[in-house]
């Protein structure tokens, strides 16, 4: 779910005039971290890393703000840990 939101945000962000190829490695980091979060590796450092990486990739345009805010809210939500 997080990976899907990040990928959607990146797809839209890549269309911006200020997007350049040097941002692609950072985009790959964002996707990799999102995938780990989706797999259940939800830790504070990973969530902070994703948030920081998305900030480094640039602010969303007004159209994308809603999707970015939803993603940020989802990442900020309390996570319940279950013992196996």
Protein backbone atom coordinates (compact mmCIF):
# COMPACT_ATOMS: atom_id res chain seq x y z
CA UNK A 1 0.00 0.00 0.00
CA UNK A 2 2.81 2.41 0.88
CA UNK A 3 4.81 1.30 -2.16
CA UNK A 4 1.82 1.99 -4.38
CA UNK A 5 1.39 5.50 -2.94
CA UNK A 6 5.11 6.28 -3.25
CA UNK A 7 5.22 4.96 -6.81
CA UNK A 8 2.18 7.03 -7.75
CA UNK A 9 3.73 10.13 -6.18
CA UNK A 10 7.03 9.51 -7.97
CA UNK A 11 5.28 9.01 -11.31
CA UNK A 12 3.63 12.40 -10.94
CA UNK A 13 6.79 14.02 -9.57
CA UNK A 14 8.86 12.82 -12.54
CA UNK A 15 6.64 14.90 -14.80
CA UNK A 16 7.67 18.14 -13.07
CA UNK A 17 9.99 20.47 -14.95
CA UNK A 18 12.59 20.39 -12.19
CA UNK A 19 12.92 16.58 -12.14
CA UNK A 20 16.34 15.38 -13.27
CA UNK A 21 18.12 12.06 -13.66
CA UNK A 22 20.22 12.71 -10.56
CA UNK A 23 17.05 12.25 -8.46
CA UNK A 24 16.53 8.67 -9.67
CA UNK A 25 18.80 7.02 -7.06
CA UNK A 26 16.88 8.83 -4.34
CA UNK A 27 13.61 7.69 -5.92
CA UNK A 28 14.90 4.11 -5.82
CA UNK A 29 15.67 4.50 -2.12
CA UNK A 30 12.12 5.74 -1.50
CA UNK A 31 10.63 2.72 -3.27
CA UNK A 32 12.94 0.28 -1.47
CA UNK A 33 12.08 1.72 1.94
CA UNK A 34 8.36 1.70 1.10
CA UNK A 35 8.60 -1.97 0.11
CA UNK A 36 10.21 -2.85 3.46
CA UNK A 37 7.46 -0.98 5.28
CA UNK A 38 4.82 -2.87 3.29
CA UNK A 39 6.49 -6.14 4.31
CA UNK A 40 5.95 -5.25 7.94
CA UNK A 41 9.37 -3.87 8.82
CA UNK A 42 7.76 -0.83 10.40
CA UNK A 43 10.34 0.92 12.52
CA UNK A 44 10.81 4.55 13.40
CA UNK A 45 14.07 4.89 11.49
CA UNK A 46 12.56 3.46 8.29
CA UNK A 47 9.53 5.73 8.49
CA UNK A 48 11.79 8.73 9.09
CA UNK A 49 14.02 7.69 6.20
CA UNK A 50 11.07 7.51 3.81
CA UNK A 51 9.76 10.86 4.96
CA UNK A 52 13.17 12.50 4.62
CA UNK A 53 13.74 10.94 1.21
CA UNK A 54 10.40 12.19 -0.09
CA UNK A 55 11.19 15.67 1.22
CA UNK A 56 14.58 15.54 -0.52
CA UNK A 57 12.86 14.59 -3.76
CA UNK A 58 10.94 17.84 -3.67
CA UNK A 59 7.63 19.18 -2.64
CA UNK A 60 4.58 17.98 -4.52
CA UNK A 61 2.63 20.34 -6.69
CA UNK A 62 -0.75 21.50 -5.46
CA UNK A 63 -2.46 18.69 -7.43
CA UNK A 64 -0.30 16.07 -5.75
CA UNK A 65 -0.54 17.55 -2.26
CA UNK A 66 -3.56 15.44 -1.34
CA UNK A 67 -1.82 12.16 -2.18
CA UNK A 68 1.34 13.26 -0.37
CA UNK A 69 -0.63 14.30 2.71
CA UNK A 70 -2.46 10.96 2.73
CA UNK A 71 0.85 9.12 2.54
CA UNK A 72 2.34 11.25 5.32
CA UNK A 73 -0.71 10.66 7.51
CA UNK A 74 -0.53 6.93 6.90
CA UNK A 75 3.15 6.84 7.82
CA UNK A 76 2.50 8.91 10.94
CA UNK A 77 -0.34 6.69 12.16
CA UNK A 78 0.28 4.57 15.21
CA UNK A 79 1.48 1.10 14.36
CA UNK A 80 0.40 -1.85 16.44
CA UNK A 81 3.02 -4.47 17.09
CA UNK A 82 1.85 -8.04 17.52
CA UNK A 83 3.84 -10.78 19.16
CA UNK A 84 4.09 -14.01 17.16
